[in-house]
Amino acid sequence: LGIVDGLLARGGRVVINGRDEATVREVQSARGDMVAG
């Protein structure tokens, strides 16, 4: 997650991944349309 936030802070877009659906959606929602889960 630290890497994801660093990429976003530098203007990147990120595909995140995890096994827990609720957590993936929470992280995605908090970071907007620059993130796909």
Full PDB file with SEQRES, HELIX, SHEET, SSBOND, CRYST1, ORIGX, SCALE, CONECT and MASTER records, all heavy atoms in Angstrom:
SEQRES   1 A   37  LEU GLY ILE VAL ASP GLY LEU LEU ALA ARG GLY GLY ARG          
SEQRES   2 A   37  VAL VAL ILE ASN GLY ARG ASP GLU ALA THR VAL ARG GLU          
SEQRES   3 A   37  VAL GLN SER ALA ARG GLY ASP MET VAL ALA GLY                  
HELIX    1 AA1 GLY A    2  ALA A    9  1                                   8    
HELIX    2 AA2 GLU A   21  ARG A   31  1                                  11    
HELIX    3 AA3 GLY A   32  MET A   34  5                                   3    
SHEET    1 AA1 2 VAL A  14  VAL A  15  0                                        
SHEET    2 AA1 2 VAL A  35  ALA A  36  1                                        
CRYST1    1.000    1.000    1.000  90.00  90.00  90.00 P 1           1          
ORIGX1      1.000000  0.000000  0.000000        0.00000                         
ORIGX2      0.000000  1.000000  0.000000        0.00000                         
ORIGX3      0.000000  0.000000  1.000000        0.00000                         
SCALE1      1.000000  0.000000  0.000000        0.00000                         
SCALE2      0.000000  1.000000  0.000000        0.00000                         
SCALE3      0.000000  0.000000  1.000000        0.00000                         
ATOM      1  N   LEU A   1       0.831  -1.202   0.000  1.00  0.00           N  
ATOM      2  CA  LEU A   1       0.000   0.000   0.000  1.00  0.00           C  
ATOM      3  C   LEU A   1       0.866   1.252   0.000  1.00  0.00           C  
ATOM      4  O   LEU A   1       0.521   2.258  -0.631  1.00  0.00           O  
ATOM      5  CB  LEU A   1      -0.936  -0.012   1.214  1.00  0.00           C  
ATOM      6  CG  LEU A   1      -1.942   1.131   1.300  1.00  0.00           C  
ATOM      7  CD1 LEU A   1      -2.812   1.205   0.046  1.00  0.00           C  
ATOM      8  CD2 LEU A   1      -2.816   0.973   2.550  1.00  0.00           C  
ATOM      9  N   GLY A   2       1.999   1.196   0.684  1.00  0.00           N  
ATOM     10  CA  GLY A   2       2.915   2.337   0.655  1.00  0.00           C  
ATOM     11  C   GLY A   2       3.423   2.616  -0.747  1.00  0.00           C  
ATOM     12  O   GLY A   2       3.568   3.776  -1.158  1.00  0.00           O  
ATOM     13  N   ILE A   3       3.695   1.563  -1.506  1.00  0.00           N  
ATOM     14  CA  ILE A   3       4.129   1.734  -2.899  1.00  0.00           C  
ATOM     15  C   ILE A   3       3.004   2.333  -3.731  1.00  0.00           C  
ATOM     16  O   ILE A   3       3.222   3.229  -4.550  1.00  0.00           O  
ATOM     17  CB  ILE A   3       4.586   0.386  -3.482  1.00  0.00           C  
ATOM     18  CG1 ILE A   3       5.849  -0.090  -2.757  1.00  0.00           C  
ATOM     19  CG2 ILE A   3       4.834   0.492  -4.984  1.00  0.00           C  
ATOM     20  CD1 ILE A   3       6.230  -1.525  -3.048  1.00  0.00           C  
ATOM     21  N   VAL A   4       1.784   1.845  -3.520  1.00  0.00           N  
ATOM     22  CA  VAL A   4       0.625   2.392  -4.239  1.00  0.00           C  
ATOM     23  C   VAL A   4       0.491   3.883  -3.985  1.00  0.00           C  
ATOM     24  O   VAL A   4       0.344   4.686  -4.923  1.00  0.00           O  
ATOM     25  CB  VAL A   4      -0.663   1.659  -3.816  1.00  0.00           C  
ATOM     26  CG1 VAL A   4      -1.894   2.395  -4.347  1.00  0.00           C  
ATOM     27  CG2 VAL A   4      -0.654   0.227  -4.316  1.00  0.00           C  
ATOM     28  N   ASP A   5       0.550   4.284  -2.731  1.00  0.00           N  
ATOM     29  CA  ASP A   5       0.392   5.709  -2.403  1.00  0.00           C  
ATOM     30  C   ASP A   5       1.535   6.543  -2.974  1.00  0.00           C  
ATOM     31  O   ASP A   5       1.336   7.688  -3.386  1.00  0.00           O  
ATOM     32  CB  ASP A   5       0.289   5.889  -0.887  1.00  0.00           C  
ATOM     33  CG  ASP A   5      -1.062   5.454  -0.337  1.00  0.00           C  
ATOM     34  OD1 ASP A   5      -2.045   5.432  -1.112  1.00  0.00           O  
ATOM     35  OD2 ASP A   5      -1.147   5.125   0.862  1.00  0.00           O  
ATOM     36  N   GLY A   6       2.726   5.964  -3.015  1.00  0.00           N  
ATOM     37  CA  GLY A   6       3.850   6.672  -3.625  1.00  0.00           C  
ATOM     38  C   GLY A   6       3.659   6.865  -5.119  1.00  0.00           C  
ATOM     39  O   GLY A   6       3.969   7.928  -5.674  1.00  0.00           O  
ATOM     40  N   LEU A   7       3.146   5.856  -5.785  1.00  0.00           N  
ATOM     41  CA  LEU A   7       2.869   5.967  -7.225  1.00  0.00           C  
ATOM     42  C   LEU A   7       1.794   7.018  -7.490  1.00  0.00           C  
ATOM     43  O   LEU A   7       1.914   7.824  -8.425  1.00  0.00           O  
ATOM     44  CB  LEU A   7       2.424   4.618  -7.769  1.00  0.00           C  
ATOM     45  CG  LEU A   7       3.505   3.534  -7.853  1.00  0.00           C  
ATOM     46  CD1 LEU A   7       2.889   2.167  -8.138  1.00  0.00           C  
ATOM     47  CD2 LEU A   7       4.551   3.880  -8.919  1.00  0.00           C  
ATOM     48  N   LEU A   8       0.757   7.006  -6.677  1.00  0.00           N  
ATOM     49  CA  LEU A   8      -0.316   7.990  -6.844  1.00  0.00           C  
ATOM     50  C   LEU A   8       0.196   9.401  -6.603  1.00  0.00           C  
ATOM     51  O   LEU A   8      -0.177  10.345  -7.318  1.00  0.00           O  
ATOM     52  CB  LEU A   8      -1.470   7.673  -5.890  1.00  0.00           C  
ATOM     53  CG  LEU A   8      -2.219   6.359  -6.154  1.00  0.00           C  
ATOM     54  CD1 LEU A   8      -3.218   6.098  -5.040  1.00  0.00           C  
ATOM     55  CD2 LEU A   8      -2.927   6.394  -7.508  1.00  0.00           C  
ATOM     56  N   ALA A   9       1.057   9.559  -5.595  1.00  0.00           N  
ATOM     57  CA  ALA A   9       1.613  10.879  -5.285  1.00  0.00           C  
ATOM     58  C   ALA A   9       2.466  11.420  -6.421  1.00  0.00           C  
ATOM     59  O   ALA A   9       2.652  12.627  -6.555  1.00  0.00           O  
ATOM     60  CB  ALA A   9       2.443  10.809  -3.999  1.00  0.00           C  
ATOM     61  N   ARG A  10       2.958  10.531  -7.273  1.00  0.00           N  
ATOM     62  CA  ARG A  10       3.784  10.929  -8.408  1.00  0.00           C  
ATOM     63  C   ARG A  10       2.993  10.971  -9.706  1.00  0.00           C  
ATOM     64  O   ARG A  10       3.565  11.095 -10.777  1.00  0.00           O  
ATOM     65  CB  ARG A  10       4.970   9.983  -8.538  1.00  0.00           C  
ATOM     66  CG  ARG A  10       6.031  10.181  -7.459  1.00  0.00           C  
ATOM     67  CD  ARG A  10       6.956   8.982  -7.368  1.00  0.00           C  
ATOM     68  NE  ARG A  10       8.140   9.250  -6.568  1.00  0.00           N  
ATOM     69  CZ  ARG A  10       8.164   9.266  -5.244  1.00  0.00           C  
ATOM     70  NH1 ARG A  10       7.057   9.040  -4.559  1.00  0.00           N  
ATOM     71  NH2 ARG A  10       9.282   9.517  -4.589  1.00  0.00           N  
ATOM     72  N   GLY A  11       1.684  10.857  -9.623  1.00  0.00           N  
ATOM     73  CA  GLY A  11       0.832  11.013 -10.796  1.00  0.00           C  
ATOM     74  C   GLY A  11       0.484   9.734 -11.512  1.00  0.00           C  
ATOM     75  O   GLY A  11      -0.158   9.763 -12.568  1.00  0.00           O  
ATOM     76  N   GLY A  12       0.898   8.592 -10.983  1.00  0.00           N  
ATOM     77  CA  GLY A  12       0.613   7.331 -11.636  1.00  0.00           C  
ATOM     78  C   GLY A  12      -0.796   6.829 -11.374  1.00  0.00           C  
ATOM     79  O   GLY A  12      -1.497   7.310 -10.487  1.00  0.00           O  
ATOM     80  N   ARG A  13      -1.198   5.853 -12.169  1.00  0.00           N  
ATOM     81  CA  ARG A  13      -2.445   5.113 -11.939  1.00  0.00           C  
ATOM     82  C   ARG A  13      -2.075   3.686 -11.597  1.00  0.00           C  
ATOM     83  O   ARG A  13      -1.082   3.165 -12.090  1.00  0.00           O  
ATOM     84  CB  ARG A  13      -3.330   5.172 -13.189  1.00  0.00           C  
ATOM     85  CG  ARG A  13      -3.859   6.578 -13.493  1.00  0.00           C  
ATOM     86  CD  ARG A  13      -4.559   6.625 -14.834  1.00  0.00           C  
ATOM     87  NE  ARG A  13      -3.605   6.518 -15.939  1.00  0.00           N  
ATOM     88  CZ  ARG A  13      -3.956   6.405 -17.219  1.00  0.00           C  
ATOM     89  NH1 ARG A  13      -5.233   6.343 -17.559  1.00  0.00           N  
ATOM     90  NH2 ARG A  13      -3.029   6.329 -18.156  1.00  0.00           N  
ATOM     91  N   VAL A  14      -2.880   3.057 -10.744  1.00  0.00           N  
ATOM     92  CA  VAL A  14      -2.453   1.789 -10.169  1.00  0.00           C  
ATOM     93  C   VAL A  14      -3.577   0.761 -10.152  1.00  0.00           C  
ATOM     94  O   VAL A  14      -4.716   1.072  -9.781  1.00  0.00           O  
ATOM     95  CB  VAL A  14      -1.946   1.989  -8.720  1.00  0.00           C  
ATOM     96  CG1 VAL A  14      -1.306   0.690  -8.211  1.00  0.00           C  
ATOM     97  CG2 VAL A  14      -0.950   3.132  -8.630  1.00  0.00           C  
ATOM     98  N   VAL A  15      -3.234  -0.461 -10.528  1.00  0.00           N  
ATOM     99  CA  VAL A  15      -4.103  -1.615 -10.309  1.00  0.00           C  
ATOM    100  C   VAL A  15      -3.646  -2.260  -9.009  1.00  0.00           C  
ATOM    101  O   VAL A  15      -2.494  -2.686  -8.888  1.00  0.00           O  
ATOM    102  CB  VAL A  15      -4.004  -2.634 -11.460  1.00  0.00           C  
ATOM    103  CG1 VAL A  15      -4.876  -3.856 -11.153  1.00  0.00           C  
ATOM    104  CG2 VAL A  15      -4.414  -1.993 -12.779  1.00  0.00           C  
ATOM    105  N   ILE A  16      -4.538  -2.284  -8.014  1.00  0.00           N  
ATOM    106  CA  ILE A  16      -4.221  -2.905  -6.737  1.00  0.00           C  
ATOM    107  C   ILE A  16      -4.815  -4.303  -6.694  1.00  0.00           C  
ATOM    108  O   ILE A  16      -5.715  -4.634  -7.462  1.00  0.00           O  
ATOM    109  CB  ILE A  16      -4.724  -2.075  -5.545  1.00  0.00           C  
ATOM    110  CG1 ILE A  16      -6.256  -2.010  -5.545  1.00  0.00           C  
ATOM    111  CG2 ILE A  16      -4.102  -0.687  -5.564  1.00  0.00           C  
ATOM    112  CD1 ILE A  16      -6.847  -1.441  -4.267  1.00  0.00           C  
ATOM    113  N   ASN A  17      -4.312  -5.102  -5.765  1.00  0.00           N  
ATOM    114  CA  ASN A  17      -4.760  -6.490  -5.675  1.00  0.00           C  
ATOM    115  C   ASN A  17      -4.677  -6.982  -4.235  1.00  0.00           C  
ATOM    116  O   ASN A  17      -3.757  -6.648  -3.501  1.00  0.00           O  
ATOM    117  CB  ASN A  17      -3.872  -7.369  -6.574  1.00  0.00           C  
ATOM    118  CG  ASN A  17      -3.860  -8.822  -6.147  1.00  0.00           C  
ATOM    119  OD1 ASN A  17      -2.877  -9.279  -5.561  1.00  0.00           O  
ATOM    120  ND2 ASN A  17      -4.926  -9.543  -6.401  1.00  0.00           N  
ATOM    121  N   GLY A  18      -5.668  -7.754  -3.840  1.00  0.00           N  
ATOM    122  CA  GLY A  18      -5.672  -8.380  -2.528  1.00  0.00           C  
ATOM    123  C   GLY A  18      -6.729  -9.459  -2.475  1.00  0.00           C  
ATOM    124  O   GLY A  18      -7.616  -9.531  -3.341  1.00  0.00           O  
ATOM    125  N   ARG A  19      -6.673 -10.309  -1.460  1.00  0.00           N  
ATOM    126  CA  ARG A  19      -7.606 -11.426  -1.377  1.00  0.00           C  
ATOM    127  C   ARG A  19      -8.919 -11.072  -0.691  1.00  0.00           C  
ATOM    128  O   ARG A  19      -9.921 -11.757  -0.908  1.00  0.00           O  
ATOM    129  CB  ARG A  19      -6.945 -12.600  -0.650  1.00  0.00           C  
ATOM    130  CG  ARG A  19      -5.829 -13.253  -1.451  1.00  0.00           C  
ATOM    131  CD  ARG A  19      -5.257 -14.441  -0.729  1.00  0.00           C  
ATOM    132  NE  ARG A  19      -4.584 -14.056   0.500  1.00  0.00           N  
ATOM    133  CZ  ARG A  19      -4.096 -14.915   1.392  1.00  0.00           C  
ATOM    134  NH1 ARG A  19      -4.224 -16.216   1.185  1.00  0.00           N  
ATOM    135  NH2 ARG A  19      -3.481 -14.489   2.466  1.00  0.00           N  
ATOM    136  N   ASP A  20      -8.922 -10.024   0.134  1.00  0.00           N  
ATOM    137  CA  ASP A  20     -10.136  -9.661   0.855  1.00  0.00           C  
ATOM    138  C   ASP A  20     -10.895  -8.579   0.082  1.00  0.00           C  
ATOM    139  O   ASP A  20     -10.402  -7.467  -0.086  1.00  0.00           O  
ATOM    140  CB  ASP A  20      -9.789  -9.153   2.258  1.00  0.00           C  
ATOM    141  CG  ASP A  20     -11.030  -8.819   3.059  1.00  0.00           C  
ATOM    142  OD1 ASP A  20     -11.723  -9.749   3.501  1.00  0.00           O  
ATOM    143  OD2 ASP A  20     -11.316  -7.614   3.213  1.00  0.00           O  
ATOM    144  N   GLU A  21     -12.093  -8.912  -0.366  1.00  0.00           N  
ATOM    145  CA  GLU A  21     -12.842  -7.991  -1.229  1.00  0.00           C  
ATOM    146  C   GLU A  21     -13.156  -6.670  -0.541  1.00  0.00           C  
ATOM    147  O   GLU A  21     -13.008  -5.598  -1.136  1.00  0.00           O  
ATOM    148  CB  GLU A  21     -14.141  -8.644  -1.705  1.00  0.00           C  
ATOM    149  CG  GLU A  21     -14.935  -7.751  -2.647  1.00  0.00           C  
ATOM    150  CD  GLU A  21     -16.118  -8.450  -3.272  1.00  0.00           C  
ATOM    151  OE1 GLU A  21     -16.407  -9.616  -2.899  1.00  0.00           O  
ATOM    152  OE2 GLU A  21     -16.750  -7.840  -4.162  1.00  0.00           O  
ATOM    153  N   ALA A  22     -13.584  -6.738   0.718  1.00  0.00           N  
ATOM    154  CA  ALA A  22     -13.945  -5.510   1.424  1.00  0.00           C  
ATOM    155  C   ALA A  22     -12.750  -4.566   1.534  1.00  0.00           C  
ATOM    156  O   ALA A  22     -12.885  -3.342   1.361  1.00  0.00           O  
ATOM    157  CB  ALA A  22     -14.490  -5.850   2.816  1.00  0.00           C  
ATOM    158  N   THR A  23     -11.576  -5.120   1.810  1.00  0.00           N  
ATOM    159  CA  THR A  23     -10.384  -4.288   1.938  1.00  0.00           C  
ATOM    160  C   THR A  23      -9.969  -3.698   0.603  1.00  0.00           C  
ATOM    161  O   THR A  23      -9.606  -2.520   0.513  1.00  0.00           O  
ATOM    162  CB  THR A  23      -9.222  -5.113   2.525  1.00  0.00           C  
ATOM    163  OG1 THR A  23      -9.624  -5.695   3.766  1.00  0.00           O  
ATOM    164  CG2 THR A  23      -8.012  -4.235   2.769  1.00  0.00           C  
ATOM    165  N   VAL A  24     -10.031  -4.502  -0.447  1.00  0.00           N  
ATOM    166  CA  VAL A  24      -9.696  -3.995  -1.783  1.00  0.00           C  
ATOM    167  C   VAL A  24     -10.615  -2.837  -2.142  1.00  0.00           C  
ATOM    168  O   VAL A  24     -10.165  -1.784  -2.612  1.00  0.00           O  
ATOM    169  CB  VAL A  24      -9.800  -5.114  -2.840  1.00  0.00           C  
ATOM    170  CG1 VAL A  24      -9.687  -4.528  -4.250  1.00  0.00           C  
ATOM    171  CG2 VAL A  24      -8.721  -6.161  -2.615  1.00  0.00           C  
ATOM    172  N   ARG A  25     -11.904  -3.000  -1.921  1.00  0.00           N  
ATOM    173  CA  ARG A  25     -12.857  -1.955  -2.277  1.00  0.00           C  
ATOM    174  C   ARG A  25     -12.672  -0.706  -1.416  1.00  0.00           C  
ATOM    175  O   ARG A  25     -12.837   0.420  -1.893  1.00  0.00           O  
ATOM    176  CB  ARG A  25     -14.286  -2.481  -2.143  1.00  0.00           C  
ATOM    177  CG  ARG A  25     -14.611  -3.701  -3.019  1.00  0.00           C  
ATOM    178  CD  ARG A  25     -14.216  -3.475  -4.471  1.00  0.00           C  
ATOM    179  NE  ARG A  25     -14.373  -4.700  -5.268  1.00  0.00           N  
ATOM    180  CZ  ARG A  25     -13.697  -4.963  -6.355  1.00  0.00           C  
ATOM    181  NH1 ARG A  25     -12.789  -4.115  -6.803  1.00  0.00           N  
ATOM    182  NH2 ARG A  25     -13.892  -6.094  -7.025  1.00  0.00           N  
ATOM    183  N   GLU A  26     -12.323  -0.901  -0.163  1.00  0.00           N  
ATOM    184  CA  GLU A  26     -12.093   0.238   0.724  1.00  0.00           C  
ATOM    185  C   GLU A  26     -10.894   1.062   0.264  1.00  0.00           C  
ATOM    186  O   GLU A  26     -10.950   2.293   0.194  1.00  0.00           O  
ATOM    187  CB  GLU A  26     -11.870  -0.261   2.151  1.00  0.00           C  
ATOM    188  CG  GLU A  26     -11.609   0.850   3.161  1.00  0.00           C  
ATOM    189  CD  GLU A  26     -11.344   0.311   4.556  1.00  0.00           C  
ATOM    190  OE1 GLU A  26     -11.466  -0.920   4.762  1.00  0.00           O  
ATOM    191  OE2 GLU A  26     -10.994   1.118   5.436  1.00  0.00           O  
ATOM    192  N   VAL A  27      -9.800   0.382  -0.051  1.00  0.00           N  
ATOM    193  CA  VAL A  27      -8.606   1.074  -0.532  1.00  0.00           C  
ATOM    194  C   VAL A  27      -8.887   1.779  -1.855  1.00  0.00           C  
ATOM    195  O   VAL A  27      -8.506   2.935  -2.062  1.00  0.00           O  
ATOM    196  CB  VAL A  27      -7.444   0.076  -0.695  1.00  0.00           C  
ATOM    197  CG1 VAL A  27      -6.259   0.737  -1.399  1.00  0.00           C  
ATOM    198  CG2 VAL A  27      -7.010  -0.466   0.658  1.00  0.00           C  
ATOM    199  N   GLN A  28      -9.581   1.099  -2.730  1.00  0.00           N  
ATOM    200  CA  GLN A  28      -9.911   1.673  -4.035  1.00  0.00           C  
ATOM    201  C   GLN A  28     -10.794   2.898  -3.884  1.00  0.00           C  
ATOM    202  O   GLN A  28     -10.542   3.950  -4.494  1.00  0.00           O  
ATOM    203  CB  GLN A  28     -10.616   0.615  -4.887  1.00  0.00           C  
ATOM    204  CG  GLN A  28     -11.016   1.097  -6.280  1.00  0.00           C  
ATOM    205  CD  GLN A  28     -11.738   0.011  -7.062  1.00  0.00           C  
ATOM    206  OE1 GLN A  28     -12.030  -1.071  -6.542  1.00  0.00           O  
ATOM    207  NE2 GLN A  28     -12.032   0.288  -8.317  1.00  0.00           N  
ATOM    208  N   SER A  29     -11.825   2.796  -3.074  1.00  0.00           N  
ATOM    209  CA  SER A  29     -12.765   3.904  -2.882  1.00  0.00           C  
ATOM    210  C   SER A  29     -12.078   5.133  -2.295  1.00  0.00           C  
ATOM    211  O   SER A  29     -12.364   6.263  -2.694  1.00  0.00           O  
ATOM    212  CB  SER A  29     -13.907   3.452  -1.970  1.00  0.00           C  
ATOM    213  OG  SER A  29     -14.783   4.521  -1.690  1.00  0.00           O  
ATOM    214  N   ALA A  30     -11.153   4.912  -1.383  1.00  0.00           N  
ATOM    215  CA  ALA A  30     -10.476   6.028  -0.725  1.00  0.00           C  
ATOM    216  C   ALA A  30      -9.529   6.769  -1.658  1.00  0.00           C  
ATOM    217  O   ALA A  30      -9.156   7.913  -1.384  1.00  0.00           O  
ATOM    218  CB  ALA A  30      -9.712   5.518   0.494  1.00  0.00           C  
ATOM    219  N   ARG A  31      -9.162   6.142  -2.769  1.00  0.00           N  
ATOM    220  CA  ARG A  31      -8.170   6.738  -3.663  1.00  0.00           C  
ATOM    221  C   ARG A  31      -8.725   7.117  -5.029  1.00  0.00           C  
ATOM    222  O   ARG A  31      -7.983   7.624  -5.874  1.00  0.00           O  
ATOM    223  CB  ARG A  31      -6.972   5.783  -3.787  1.00  0.00           C  
ATOM    224  CG  ARG A  31      -6.151   5.764  -2.501  1.00  0.00           C  
ATOM    225  CD  ARG A  31      -5.317   4.515  -2.339  1.00  0.00           C  
ATOM    226  NE  ARG A  31      -4.553   4.565  -1.100  1.00  0.00           N  
ATOM    227  CZ  ARG A  31      -5.075   4.290   0.099  1.00  0.00           C  
ATOM    228  NH1 ARG A  31      -6.353   3.963   0.221  1.00  0.00           N  
ATOM    229  NH2 ARG A  31      -4.327   4.367   1.188  1.00  0.00           N  
ATOM    230  N   GLY A  32      -9.994   6.906  -5.254  1.00  0.00           N  
ATOM    231  CA  GLY A  32     -10.646   7.429  -6.440  1.00  0.00           C  
ATOM    232  C   GLY A  32     -10.358   6.690  -7.723  1.00  0.00           C  
ATOM    233  O   GLY A  32      -9.896   5.550  -7.721  1.00  0.00           O  
ATOM    234  N   ASP A  33     -10.604   7.379  -8.844  1.00  0.00           N  
ATOM    235  CA  ASP A  33     -10.546   6.715 -10.147  1.00  0.00           C  
ATOM    236  C   ASP A  33      -9.135   6.511 -10.688  1.00  0.00           C  
ATOM    237  O   ASP A  33      -8.953   6.005 -11.793  1.00  0.00           O  
ATOM    238  CB  ASP A  33     -11.388   7.493 -11.165  1.00  0.00           C  
ATOM    239  CG  ASP A  33     -10.924   8.933 -11.345  1.00  0.00           C  
ATOM    240  OD1 ASP A  33      -9.874   9.301 -10.786  1.00  0.00           O  
ATOM    241  OD2 ASP A  33     -11.623   9.682 -12.047  1.00  0.00           O  
ATOM    242  N   MET A  34      -8.129   6.871  -9.900  1.00  0.00           N  
ATOM    243  CA  MET A  34      -6.754   6.577 -10.288  1.00  0.00           C  
ATOM    244  C   MET A  34      -6.361   5.153  -9.898  1.00  0.00           C  
ATOM    245  O   MET A  34      -5.257   4.698 -10.208  1.00  0.00           O  
ATOM    246  CB  MET A  34      -5.785   7.563  -9.620  1.00  0.00           C  
ATOM    247  CG  MET A  34      -6.029   9.004 -10.009  1.00  0.00           C  
ATOM    248  SD  MET A  34      -5.656   9.315 -11.751  1.00  0.00           S  
ATOM    249  CE  MET A  34      -3.878   9.454 -11.677  1.00  0.00           C  
ATOM    250  N   VAL A  35      -7.289   4.446  -9.232  1.00  0.00           N  
ATOM    251  CA  VAL A  35      -7.012   3.093  -8.758  1.00  0.00           C  
ATOM    252  C   VAL A  35      -8.092   2.142  -9.245  1.00  0.00           C  
ATOM    253  O   VAL A  35      -9.282   2.444  -9.191  1.00  0.00           O  
ATOM    254  CB  VAL A  35      -6.947   3.053  -7.216  1.00  0.00           C  
ATOM    255  CG1 VAL A  35      -6.902   1.616  -6.712  1.00  0.00           C  
ATOM    256  CG2 VAL A  35      -5.726   3.821  -6.719  1.00  0.00           C  
ATOM    257  N   ALA A  36      -7.681   0.980  -9.732  1.00  0.00           N  
ATOM    258  CA  ALA A  36      -8.594  -0.121 -10.061  1.00  0.00           C  
ATOM    259  C   ALA A  36      -8.252  -1.285  -9.146  1.00  0.00           C  
ATOM    260  O   ALA A  36      -7.070  -1.532  -8.873  1.00  0.00           O  
ATOM    261  CB  ALA A  36      -8.459  -0.536 -11.518  1.00  0.00           C  
ATOM    262  N   GLY A  37      -9.263  -1.996  -8.654  1.00  0.00           N  
ATOM    263  CA  GLY A  37      -9.023  -3.077  -7.717  1.00  0.00           C  
ATOM    264  C   GLY A  37      -9.392  -4.436  -8.279  1.00  0.00           C  
ATOM    265  O   GLY A  37     -10.421  -4.580  -8.936  1.00  0.00           O  
TER     266      GLY A  37                                                      
MASTER        0    0    0    3    2    0    0    6  265    1    0    3          
END                                                                             
